[in-house]
Amino acid sequence: MAAFWQRIKQERKAKEEIKKEKRIQEYIEKREELLFQLELTLRNSKKSEKEQVIQESIREVTSRLEKLQVRVIKGEKLELFDKEKHEVIAKQEVDAVEYNNKVLEIYGDGYEYEGKVIRKMHVMIGCVK
């Protein structure tokens, strides 16, 4: 009988984890959509009150992710490509060997949950001709 209740507890915990992961994914998608829209707005507007609203919106979404223990992975240009945290969405031919396999542009943040990458950063890397 104890094994039965143990299995029920495990199933409930598994269902809760699935729900939590779905919420995390929804927040990530909302954050990405919001950031995209905000970037477009920033490009087409002057510094103003709008920027404060935009920055506050970004902080709010990021705060929600942090409460779910999701960490945004920020990268640096010219860091070495790492297949565990980077997803190549573009390649650029480069003349200098020191830029080979290095991140040249970052197009999107990555996300980590409980020490595990759940979404890789979107990057462009350099490739020697």
C-alpha atoms as a PDB file:
ATOM      1  CA  MET A   1       0.000   0.000   0.000  1.00  0.00           C
ATOM      2  CA  ALA A   2       2.889   2.344   0.799  1.00  0.00           C
ATOM      3  CA  ALA A   3       4.290   1.751  -2.691  1.00  0.00           C
ATOM      4  CA  PHE A   4       0.952   2.798  -4.180  1.00  0.00           C
ATOM      5  CA  TRP A   5       0.958   6.142  -2.319  1.00  0.00           C
ATOM      6  CA  GLN A   6       4.612   6.669  -3.173  1.00  0.00           C
ATOM      7  CA  ARG A   7       3.796   6.197  -6.867  1.00  0.00           C
ATOM      8  CA  ILE A   8       0.862   8.644  -6.576  1.00  0.00           C
ATOM      9  CA  LYS A   9       3.183  11.246  -4.988  1.00  0.00           C
ATOM     10  CA  GLN A  10       5.755  10.736  -7.754  1.00  0.00           C
ATOM     11  CA  GLU A  11       3.097  11.127 -10.437  1.00  0.00           C
ATOM     12  CA  ARG A  12       1.813  14.349  -8.846  1.00  0.00           C
ATOM     13  CA  LYS A  13       5.342  15.715  -8.612  1.00  0.00           C
ATOM     14  CA  ALA A  14       5.986  14.832 -12.263  1.00  0.00           C
ATOM     15  CA  LYS A  15       2.756  16.585 -13.318  1.00  0.00           C
ATOM     16  CA  GLU A  16       3.709  19.676 -11.298  1.00  0.00           C
ATOM     17  CA  GLU A  17       7.126  19.754 -12.986  1.00  0.00           C
ATOM     18  CA  ILE A  18       5.504  19.513 -16.424  1.00  0.00           C
ATOM     19  CA  LYS A  19       3.174  22.416 -15.548  1.00  0.00           C
ATOM     20  CA  LYS A  20       6.119  24.458 -14.273  1.00  0.00           C
ATOM     21  CA  GLU A  21       8.128  23.771 -17.430  1.00  0.00           C
ATOM     22  CA  LYS A  22       5.150  24.850 -19.583  1.00  0.00           C
ATOM     23  CA  ARG A  23       4.859  28.107 -17.608  1.00  0.00           C
ATOM     24  CA  ILE A  24       8.570  28.699 -18.045  1.00  0.00           C
ATOM     25  CA  GLN A  25       8.330  28.135 -21.790  1.00  0.00           C
ATOM     26  CA  GLU A  26       5.348  30.510 -22.008  1.00  0.00           C
ATOM     27  CA  TYR A  27       7.281  33.226 -20.131  1.00  0.00           C
ATOM     28  CA  ILE A  28      10.297  32.717 -22.382  1.00  0.00           C
ATOM     29  CA  GLU A  29       8.154  33.035 -25.502  1.00  0.00           C
ATOM     30  CA  LYS A  30       6.431  36.144 -24.116  1.00  0.00           C
ATOM     31  CA  ARG A  31       9.793  37.656 -23.166  1.00  0.00           C
ATOM     32  CA  GLU A  32      11.227  37.030 -26.612  1.00  0.00           C
ATOM     33  CA  GLU A  33       8.162  38.526 -28.307  1.00  0.00           C
ATOM     34  CA  LEU A  34       8.241  41.522 -25.975  1.00  0.00           C
ATOM     35  CA  LEU A  35      11.958  42.106 -26.524  1.00  0.00           C
ATOM     36  CA  PHE A  36      11.530  41.966 -30.283  1.00  0.00           C
ATOM     37  CA  GLN A  37       8.700  44.514 -30.206  1.00  0.00           C
ATOM     38  CA  LEU A  38      10.608  46.714 -27.788  1.00  0.00           C
ATOM     39  CA  GLU A  39      13.734  46.704 -29.919  1.00  0.00           C
ATOM     40  CA  LEU A  40      11.695  47.840 -32.911  1.00  0.00           C
ATOM     41  CA  THR A  41      10.100  50.581 -30.821  1.00  0.00           C
ATOM     42  CA  LEU A  42      13.461  51.755 -29.501  1.00  0.00           C
ATOM     43  CA  ARG A  43      14.946  51.922 -32.988  1.00  0.00           C
ATOM     44  CA  ASN A  44      12.078  54.097 -34.192  1.00  0.00           C
ATOM     45  CA  SER A  45      11.688  56.442 -31.228  1.00  0.00           C
ATOM     46  CA  LYS A  46      13.600  59.097 -29.372  1.00  0.00           C
ATOM     47  CA  LYS A  47      14.475  58.837 -25.698  1.00  0.00           C
ATOM     48  CA  SER A  48      11.337  59.533 -23.824  1.00  0.00           C
ATOM     49  CA  GLU A  49       8.837  58.242 -21.341  1.00  0.00           C
ATOM     50  CA  LYS A  50       8.268  55.265 -23.646  1.00  0.00           C
ATOM     51  CA  GLU A  51      11.718  53.920 -22.827  1.00  0.00           C
ATOM     52  CA  GLN A  52      10.919  53.844 -19.124  1.00  0.00           C
ATOM     53  CA  VAL A  53       7.773  51.831 -19.804  1.00  0.00           C
ATOM     54  CA  ILE A  54       9.719  49.474 -22.043  1.00  0.00           C
ATOM     55  CA  GLN A  55      12.501  48.954 -19.502  1.00  0.00           C
ATOM     56  CA  GLU A  56       9.972  48.321 -16.741  1.00  0.00           C
ATOM     57  CA  SER A  57       8.201  45.730 -18.915  1.00  0.00           C
ATOM     58  CA  ILE A  58      11.465  43.913 -19.548  1.00  0.00           C
ATOM     59  CA  ARG A  59      12.293  43.925 -15.822  1.00  0.00           C
ATOM     60  CA  GLU A  60       8.858  42.541 -14.963  1.00  0.00           C
ATOM     61  CA  VAL A  61       9.087  39.611 -17.377  1.00  0.00           C
ATOM     62  CA  THR A  62      12.669  38.881 -16.324  1.00  0.00           C
ATOM     63  CA  SER A  63      11.594  38.985 -12.676  1.00  0.00           C
ATOM     64  CA  ARG A  64       8.892  36.398 -13.358  1.00  0.00           C
ATOM     65  CA  LEU A  65      11.439  34.112 -14.961  1.00  0.00           C
ATOM     66  CA  GLU A  66      13.767  34.530 -11.984  1.00  0.00           C
ATOM     67  CA  LYS A  67      10.940  33.561  -9.612  1.00  0.00           C
ATOM     68  CA  LEU A  68      10.627  30.346 -11.617  1.00  0.00           C
ATOM     69  CA  GLN A  69      14.404  29.912 -11.184  1.00  0.00           C
ATOM     70  CA  VAL A  70      15.100  30.492 -14.873  1.00  0.00           C
ATOM     71  CA  ARG A  71      18.368  32.282 -15.552  1.00  0.00           C
ATOM     72  CA  VAL A  72      18.931  34.300 -18.709  1.00  0.00           C
ATOM     73  CA  ILE A  73      22.224  33.321 -20.329  1.00  0.00           C
ATOM     74  CA  LYS A  74      24.019  36.413 -21.576  1.00  0.00           C
ATOM     75  CA  GLY A  75      26.933  35.965 -23.895  1.00  0.00           C
ATOM     76  CA  GLU A  76      29.797  38.067 -25.108  1.00  0.00           C
ATOM     77  CA  LYS A  77      30.902  38.813 -28.616  1.00  0.00           C
ATOM     78  CA  LEU A  78      34.124  37.061 -29.595  1.00  0.00           C
ATOM     79  CA  GLU A  79      33.698  34.277 -27.055  1.00  0.00           C
ATOM     80  CA  LEU A  80      34.468  30.809 -28.373  1.00  0.00           C
ATOM     81  CA  PHE A  81      31.484  28.930 -29.796  1.00  0.00           C
ATOM     82  CA  ASP A  82      30.113  26.417 -27.274  1.00  0.00           C
ATOM     83  CA  LYS A  83      27.642  23.876 -28.686  1.00  0.00           C
ATOM     84  CA  GLU A  84      26.131  23.407 -25.208  1.00  0.00           C
ATOM     85  CA  LYS A  85      24.916  27.022 -24.965  1.00  0.00           C
ATOM     86  CA  HIS A  86      25.022  28.410 -28.539  1.00  0.00           C
ATOM     87  CA  GLU A  87      22.851  27.663 -31.549  1.00  0.00           C
ATOM     88  CA  VAL A  88      24.351  28.851 -34.833  1.00  0.00           C
ATOM     89  CA  ILE A  89      21.779  30.625 -36.959  1.00  0.00           C
ATOM     90  CA  ALA A  90      24.282  32.382 -39.228  1.00  0.00           C
ATOM     91  CA  LYS A  91      27.906  32.079 -40.294  1.00  0.00           C
ATOM     92  CA  GLN A  92      30.176  34.834 -41.559  1.00  0.00           C
ATOM     93  CA  GLU A  93      33.331  34.221 -43.540  1.00  0.00           C
ATOM     94  CA  VAL A  94      36.344  35.840 -41.876  1.00  0.00           C
ATOM     95  CA  ASP A  95      39.917  36.373 -43.016  1.00  0.00           C
ATOM     96  CA  ALA A  96      41.591  36.267 -39.619  1.00  0.00           C
ATOM     97  CA  VAL A  97      42.039  32.888 -37.948  1.00  0.00           C
ATOM     98  CA  GLU A  98      41.479  34.413 -34.487  1.00  0.00           C
ATOM     99  CA  TYR A  99      37.805  34.999 -35.417  1.00  0.00           C
ATOM    100  CA  ASN A 100      37.272  31.408 -36.534  1.00  0.00           C
ATOM    101  CA  ASN A 101      34.598  29.670 -34.450  1.00  0.00           C
ATOM    102  CA  LYS A 102      34.022  32.825 -32.376  1.00  0.00           C
ATOM    103  CA  VAL A 103      30.667  34.486 -31.706  1.00  0.00           C
ATOM    104  CA  LEU A 104      30.395  37.573 -33.908  1.00  0.00           C
ATOM    105  CA  GLU A 105      26.769  38.515 -33.194  1.00  0.00           C
ATOM    106  CA  ILE A 106      24.202  37.519 -30.587  1.00  0.00           C
ATOM    107  CA  TYR A 107      20.635  37.444 -31.868  1.00  0.00           C
ATOM    108  CA  GLY A 108      18.836  36.005 -28.842  1.00  0.00           C
ATOM    109  CA  ASP A 109      19.460  35.150 -25.214  1.00  0.00           C
ATOM    110  CA  GLY A 110      19.619  31.622 -23.919  1.00  0.00           C
ATOM    111  CA  TYR A 111      17.892  30.279 -20.813  1.00  0.00           C
ATOM    112  CA  GLU A 112      18.976  27.926 -18.071  1.00  0.00           C
ATOM    113  CA  TYR A 113      16.785  26.081 -15.569  1.00  0.00           C
ATOM    114  CA  GLU A 114      18.242  24.176 -12.645  1.00  0.00           C
ATOM    115  CA  GLY A 115      21.699  24.327 -14.215  1.00  0.00           C
ATOM    116  CA  LYS A 116      20.484  22.902 -17.526  1.00  0.00           C
ATOM    117  CA  VAL A 117      20.261  24.896 -20.762  1.00  0.00           C
ATOM    118  CA  ILE A 118      16.628  24.874 -21.876  1.00  0.00           C
ATOM    119  CA  ARG A 119      17.130  27.259 -24.783  1.00  0.00           C
ATOM    120  CA  LYS A 120      20.424  28.024 -26.461  1.00  0.00           C
ATOM    121  CA  MET A 121      21.589  31.522 -27.397  1.00  0.00           C
ATOM    122  CA  HIS A 122      21.124  32.343 -31.086  1.00  0.00           C
ATOM    123  CA  VAL A 123      24.442  33.445 -32.545  1.00  0.00           C
ATOM    124  CA  MET A 124      26.431  34.133 -35.699  1.00  0.00           C
ATOM    125  CA  ILE A 125      29.927  32.676 -35.734  1.00  0.00           C
ATOM    126  CA  GLY A 126      32.985  33.351 -37.833  1.00  0.00           C
ATOM    127  CA  CYS A 127      34.363  30.788 -40.278  1.00  0.00           C
ATOM    128  CA  VAL A 128      37.738  31.071 -41.990  1.00  0.00           C
ATOM    129  CA  LYS A 129      37.515  31.126 -45.784  1.00  0.00           C
END
